[in-house]
Amino acid sequence: MLRALKAGGMKTAILTNGSPEMVNGAVENAGIMDLLDETFSVDMVKVYKPHPDVYQMVPDMFDVDATRVCFMYSNAWDAAAAANFGFRVVWINRYSQPPEKIPGTHEHMLPTLEGLPALLGL
């Protein structure tokens, strides 16, 4: 999936509540470092998701409006919080969960990442 996104000219990143050591270890173990433009850890802003400062790191780093960010996540609460922040959200609803009753609505829902390139026009 990351290869398809990169081939389509998309910037890719991970935004996590995990520590830099945790995310870097996972990225290295998965062998995807060359497919990511950035990794964002809450350690950079000292608060956890769903605090808006966490999501703000992405538009700040990539110098884009939040509405130009496509955020994909499998946790309903994180998808809703990112949508409430202003990201365009694709909820990867692997387990057919009901939406959370919190502010923010995803634009699209997919059962897996498989349909993402077509959804993004790649």
Protein backbone atom coordinates (compact mmCIF):
# COMPACT_ATOMS: atom_id res chain seq x y z
CA MET A 1 0.00 0.00 0.00
CA LEU A 2 2.76 2.44 0.91
CA ARG A 3 4.52 1.72 -2.38
CA ALA A 4 1.34 2.56 -4.31
CA LEU A 5 0.90 5.80 -2.37
CA LYS A 6 4.52 6.84 -2.91
CA ALA A 7 4.34 5.92 -6.62
CA GLY A 8 1.29 8.18 -6.84
CA GLY A 9 3.27 11.11 -5.45
CA MET A 10 1.78 11.05 -1.96
CA LYS A 11 3.74 11.90 1.16
CA THR A 12 3.42 9.24 3.83
CA ALA A 13 3.81 9.36 7.59
CA ILE A 14 2.94 7.64 10.82
CA LEU A 15 1.26 9.62 13.62
CA THR A 16 1.35 7.71 16.89
CA ASN A 17 0.80 7.94 20.62
CA GLY A 18 3.86 5.69 20.89
CA SER A 19 7.39 6.76 21.71
CA PRO A 20 9.92 7.51 18.96
CA GLU A 21 11.84 4.39 19.93
CA MET A 22 8.73 2.23 19.62
CA VAL A 23 7.67 3.60 16.23
CA ASN A 24 11.20 3.56 14.82
CA GLY A 25 11.66 -0.03 15.95
CA ALA A 26 8.37 -1.05 14.34
CA VAL A 27 9.20 0.79 11.11
CA GLU A 28 12.66 -0.76 10.90
CA ASN A 29 11.31 -4.23 11.71
CA ALA A 30 8.66 -3.87 8.98
CA GLY A 31 11.28 -2.67 6.48
CA ILE A 32 9.26 0.40 5.48
CA MET A 33 11.59 3.26 6.46
CA ASP A 34 12.21 4.16 2.80
CA LEU A 35 8.43 4.39 2.20
CA LEU A 36 7.81 7.03 4.88
CA ASP A 37 8.49 10.73 4.72
CA GLU A 38 8.07 11.22 8.46
CA THR A 39 7.15 9.61 11.75
CA PHE A 40 5.35 11.72 14.33
CA SER A 41 5.30 10.81 18.00
CA VAL A 42 3.28 12.52 20.71
CA ASP A 43 6.60 12.93 22.51
CA MET A 44 7.12 15.95 20.23
CA VAL A 45 4.16 17.85 21.75
CA LYS A 46 3.89 16.18 25.19
CA VAL A 47 0.17 15.36 24.93
CA TYR A 48 -1.71 12.32 23.62
CA LYS A 49 -4.28 11.92 20.90
CA PRO A 50 -6.98 13.10 20.59
CA HIS A 51 -5.49 16.46 21.64
CA PRO A 52 -5.44 18.81 18.59
CA ASP A 53 -1.73 19.58 19.06
CA VAL A 54 -0.94 16.01 18.03
CA TYR A 55 -2.79 16.30 14.73
CA GLN A 56 -1.37 19.80 14.12
CA MET A 57 2.14 18.35 13.77
CA VAL A 58 1.26 16.97 10.33
CA PRO A 59 0.13 20.18 8.58
CA ASP A 60 2.95 22.06 10.28
CA MET A 61 5.64 19.64 9.10
CA PHE A 62 4.32 19.23 5.56
CA ASP A 63 3.24 22.88 5.22
CA VAL A 64 -0.30 22.01 4.09
CA ASP A 65 -3.80 22.82 5.27
CA ALA A 66 -5.33 20.12 7.48
CA THR A 67 -8.00 19.51 4.83
CA ARG A 68 -5.24 18.27 2.47
CA VAL A 69 -4.28 15.46 4.86
CA CYS A 70 -5.82 12.02 4.33
CA PHE A 71 -5.71 10.23 7.67
CA MET A 72 -6.21 6.47 7.80
CA TYR A 73 -6.80 4.64 11.02
CA SER A 74 -8.49 1.54 12.33
CA ASN A 75 -9.53 2.91 15.74
CA ALA A 76 -12.93 4.60 15.53
CA TRP A 77 -12.09 7.19 18.20
CA ASP A 78 -8.89 8.26 16.41
CA ALA A 79 -10.65 8.49 13.05
CA ALA A 80 -13.40 10.65 14.59
CA ALA A 81 -10.91 12.89 16.41
CA ALA A 82 -8.82 13.39 13.26
CA ALA A 83 -11.96 14.26 11.28
CA ASN A 84 -13.02 16.70 13.99
CA PHE A 85 -9.57 18.30 13.71
CA GLY A 86 -10.10 18.82 9.98
CA PHE A 87 -8.34 15.89 8.32
CA ARG A 88 -10.01 13.96 5.53
CA VAL A 89 -10.43 10.56 7.14
CA VAL A 90 -10.62 7.06 5.75
CA TRP A 91 -11.60 4.75 8.57
CA ILE A 92 -10.18 1.28 8.03
CA ASN A 93 -12.94 -0.54 9.88
CA ARG A 94 -11.47 -4.05 9.96
CA TYR A 95 -13.94 -5.38 12.51
CA SER A 96 -17.17 -3.66 11.36
CA GLN A 97 -17.32 -1.54 14.50
CA PRO A 98 -20.09 1.02 14.93
CA PRO A 99 -18.97 4.67 14.74
CA GLU A 100 -18.07 6.36 18.02
CA LYS A 101 -20.53 8.93 19.35
CA ILE A 102 -17.97 11.74 19.44
CA PRO A 103 -17.52 14.79 17.16
CA GLY A 104 -16.00 14.11 13.77
CA THR A 105 -17.11 11.94 10.88
CA HIS A 106 -14.97 9.98 8.47
CA GLU A 107 -15.42 10.61 4.73
CA HIS A 108 -14.96 7.00 3.74
CA MET A 109 -14.86 3.61 5.41
CA LEU A 110 -13.02 0.62 4.02
CA PRO A 111 -12.70 -2.88 5.48
CA THR A 112 -8.99 -3.03 4.49
CA LEU A 113 -6.37 -0.79 2.92
CA GLU A 114 -6.78 -2.63 -0.39
CA GLY A 115 -9.25 -0.11 -1.84
CA LEU A 116 -7.29 2.98 -0.82
CA PRO A 117 -5.38 3.66 -4.07
CA ALA A 118 -8.59 3.66 -6.10
CA LEU A 119 -10.29 5.87 -3.51
CA LEU A 120 -7.43 8.38 -3.82
CA GLY A 121 -7.46 8.24 -7.62
CA LEU A 122 -4.14 6.40 -7.95
